[in-house]
Amino acid sequence: MRFRSFLMLSAFGILALSGCSGNKGKIEQTAWVSRAANVKGQELPAGARQLQFGKDGHLLLVANAKPYKGAYALGMGPSVTLTFEEEYEGRKTHVEKVVVDGDSLVLTDADGSEIPFQKVQ
C-alpha cells in the first residue's frame, strides 16, 4: 500500500513539474536592451545587446550591431534554451537562466556571467 501511495505521489509530482517554466507569459512578444555591465572582466556599454522574443518561439539577439536569429524554448524554472542559426560565442545552443522582474531581465550564462536588460516599451 505504501508503494502504491509513493507511486501516485511521484506521478503527481512529475505531472505538476512538467512544463513549469518560471518565464511562461513573461518573455513572449517582448523586447529588451542591455544595461551597462561588467561581463567576464570587460565593460559592456548600455545598449550593446538587444533581445527580442517572438510569440511563436523566434528569437533575435543583436550583439555589437550583428544580428543573430534563432529560436527559444522555455525550460524548467528560469531555464531558457536559445538556439541560433549560426554560432554565437562559439556555439549555436545556449542554455541560460532568465529571470524577469517587472521591466528588468537578467540573463545568466552557464559560466555565471550576468547581463542585465531593461524592457523596451
Protein backbone atom coordinates (compact mmCIF):
# COMPACT_ATOMS: atom_id res chain seq x y z
CA MET A 1 0.00 0.00 0.00
CA ARG A 2 2.83 2.40 0.81
CA PHE A 3 4.48 1.66 -2.51
CA ARG A 4 1.27 2.48 -4.40
CA SER A 5 0.92 5.75 -2.47
CA PHE A 6 4.54 6.58 -3.27
CA LEU A 7 3.96 5.90 -6.98
CA MET A 8 0.85 8.07 -7.01
CA LEU A 9 2.66 10.93 -5.28
CA SER A 10 5.66 10.56 -7.61
CA ALA A 11 3.44 10.62 -10.69
CA PHE A 12 1.59 13.67 -9.37
CA GLY A 13 4.91 15.42 -8.69
CA ILE A 14 6.15 14.74 -12.21
CA LEU A 15 2.92 16.00 -13.74
CA ALA A 16 2.95 19.08 -11.55
CA LEU A 17 6.52 19.92 -12.54
CA SER A 18 6.31 19.21 -16.25
CA GLY A 19 6.08 22.38 -18.26
CA CYS A 20 6.54 24.61 -15.20
CA SER A 21 8.54 27.45 -16.64
CA GLY A 22 9.02 30.50 -14.49
CA ASN A 23 9.08 32.57 -17.69
CA LYS A 24 5.78 31.47 -19.24
CA GLY A 25 3.87 34.63 -20.15
CA LYS A 26 6.79 36.90 -19.20
CA ILE A 27 9.08 36.90 -22.23
CA GLU A 28 6.87 36.04 -25.18
CA GLN A 29 6.48 39.04 -27.52
CA THR A 30 8.92 41.22 -25.58
CA ALA A 31 11.99 43.27 -26.47
CA TRP A 32 14.90 44.08 -24.18
CA VAL A 33 18.02 46.26 -24.28
CA SER A 34 21.09 45.61 -22.15
CA ARG A 35 22.15 47.86 -19.31
CA ALA A 36 25.78 48.74 -18.67
CA ALA A 37 27.58 45.83 -17.01
CA ASN A 38 30.94 44.21 -16.44
CA VAL A 39 30.87 40.84 -18.22
CA LYS A 40 33.83 38.46 -17.97
CA GLY A 41 36.11 41.34 -16.98
CA GLN A 42 35.05 43.62 -19.82
CA GLU A 43 32.80 46.65 -19.67
CA LEU A 44 29.62 46.19 -21.70
CA PRO A 45 28.07 49.55 -22.51
CA ALA A 46 24.32 50.08 -22.24
CA GLY A 47 22.59 49.05 -25.45
CA ALA A 48 25.36 46.69 -26.60
CA ARG A 49 22.85 43.78 -26.66
CA GLN A 50 19.22 43.69 -27.73
CA LEU A 51 16.91 40.70 -27.32
CA GLN A 52 13.54 40.10 -28.97
CA PHE A 53 11.41 37.10 -28.03
CA GLY A 54 8.63 36.41 -30.53
CA LYS A 55 5.30 34.90 -29.55
CA ASP A 56 5.98 31.98 -31.90
CA GLY A 57 9.32 30.99 -30.33
CA HIS A 58 11.52 33.02 -32.66
CA LEU A 59 14.44 34.94 -31.20
CA LEU A 60 16.60 37.83 -32.34
CA LEU A 61 19.75 38.80 -30.49
CA VAL A 62 21.74 41.80 -31.66
CA ALA A 63 25.27 41.82 -30.22
CA ASN A 64 27.65 44.63 -31.18
CA ALA A 65 25.37 45.53 -34.12
CA LYS A 66 25.42 41.94 -35.51
CA PRO A 67 22.04 40.16 -35.63
CA TYR A 68 21.74 36.51 -34.57
CA LYS A 69 18.46 34.84 -35.49
CA GLY A 70 17.17 31.72 -33.84
CA ALA A 71 14.57 30.19 -31.57
CA TYR A 72 13.98 29.89 -27.86
CA ALA A 73 12.36 27.22 -25.73
CA LEU A 74 11.20 27.67 -22.16
CA GLY A 75 12.60 25.09 -19.76
CA MET A 76 12.03 24.26 -16.13
CA GLY A 77 12.03 27.21 -13.75
CA PRO A 78 14.18 30.05 -15.13
CA SER A 79 15.88 27.93 -17.81
CA VAL A 80 15.58 29.10 -21.43
CA THR A 81 17.34 27.38 -24.32
CA LEU A 82 18.48 29.72 -27.09
CA THR A 83 19.29 28.07 -30.42
CA PHE A 84 20.86 30.27 -33.08
CA GLU A 85 21.10 29.70 -36.84
CA GLU A 86 24.82 30.50 -36.66
CA GLU A 87 27.36 30.30 -33.85
CA TYR A 88 27.21 32.94 -31.15
CA GLU A 89 30.18 32.96 -28.76
CA GLY A 90 31.44 29.68 -30.20
CA ARG A 91 28.26 27.61 -30.24
CA LYS A 92 24.71 27.56 -31.56
CA THR A 93 22.88 26.36 -28.44
CA HIS A 94 22.94 28.20 -25.13
CA VAL A 95 21.03 27.21 -22.01
CA GLU A 96 20.57 30.38 -19.99
CA LYS A 97 18.98 31.33 -16.71
CA VAL A 98 16.49 34.11 -17.44
CA VAL A 99 14.91 35.95 -14.52
CA VAL A 100 12.25 38.58 -15.20
CA ASP A 101 11.21 41.04 -12.51
CA GLY A 102 8.81 43.61 -13.91
CA ASP A 103 10.66 45.61 -16.57
CA SER A 104 14.03 44.04 -15.72
CA LEU A 105 15.52 40.83 -17.08
CA VAL A 106 18.79 39.21 -16.02
CA LEU A 107 20.37 36.69 -18.36
CA THR A 108 22.89 34.40 -16.65
CA ASP A 109 25.20 32.23 -18.74
CA ALA A 110 26.39 28.76 -17.70
CA ASP A 111 29.69 30.29 -16.50
CA GLY A 112 27.78 32.58 -14.11
CA SER A 113 28.26 35.81 -16.04
CA GLU A 114 25.20 38.05 -15.96
CA ILE A 115 23.83 40.66 -18.36
CA PRO A 116 21.03 42.89 -17.06
CA PHE A 117 18.38 44.11 -19.51
CA GLN A 118 15.64 46.74 -19.47
CA LYS A 119 12.31 46.09 -21.19
CA VAL A 120 11.64 48.14 -24.33
CA GLN A 121 8.12 49.58 -24.32
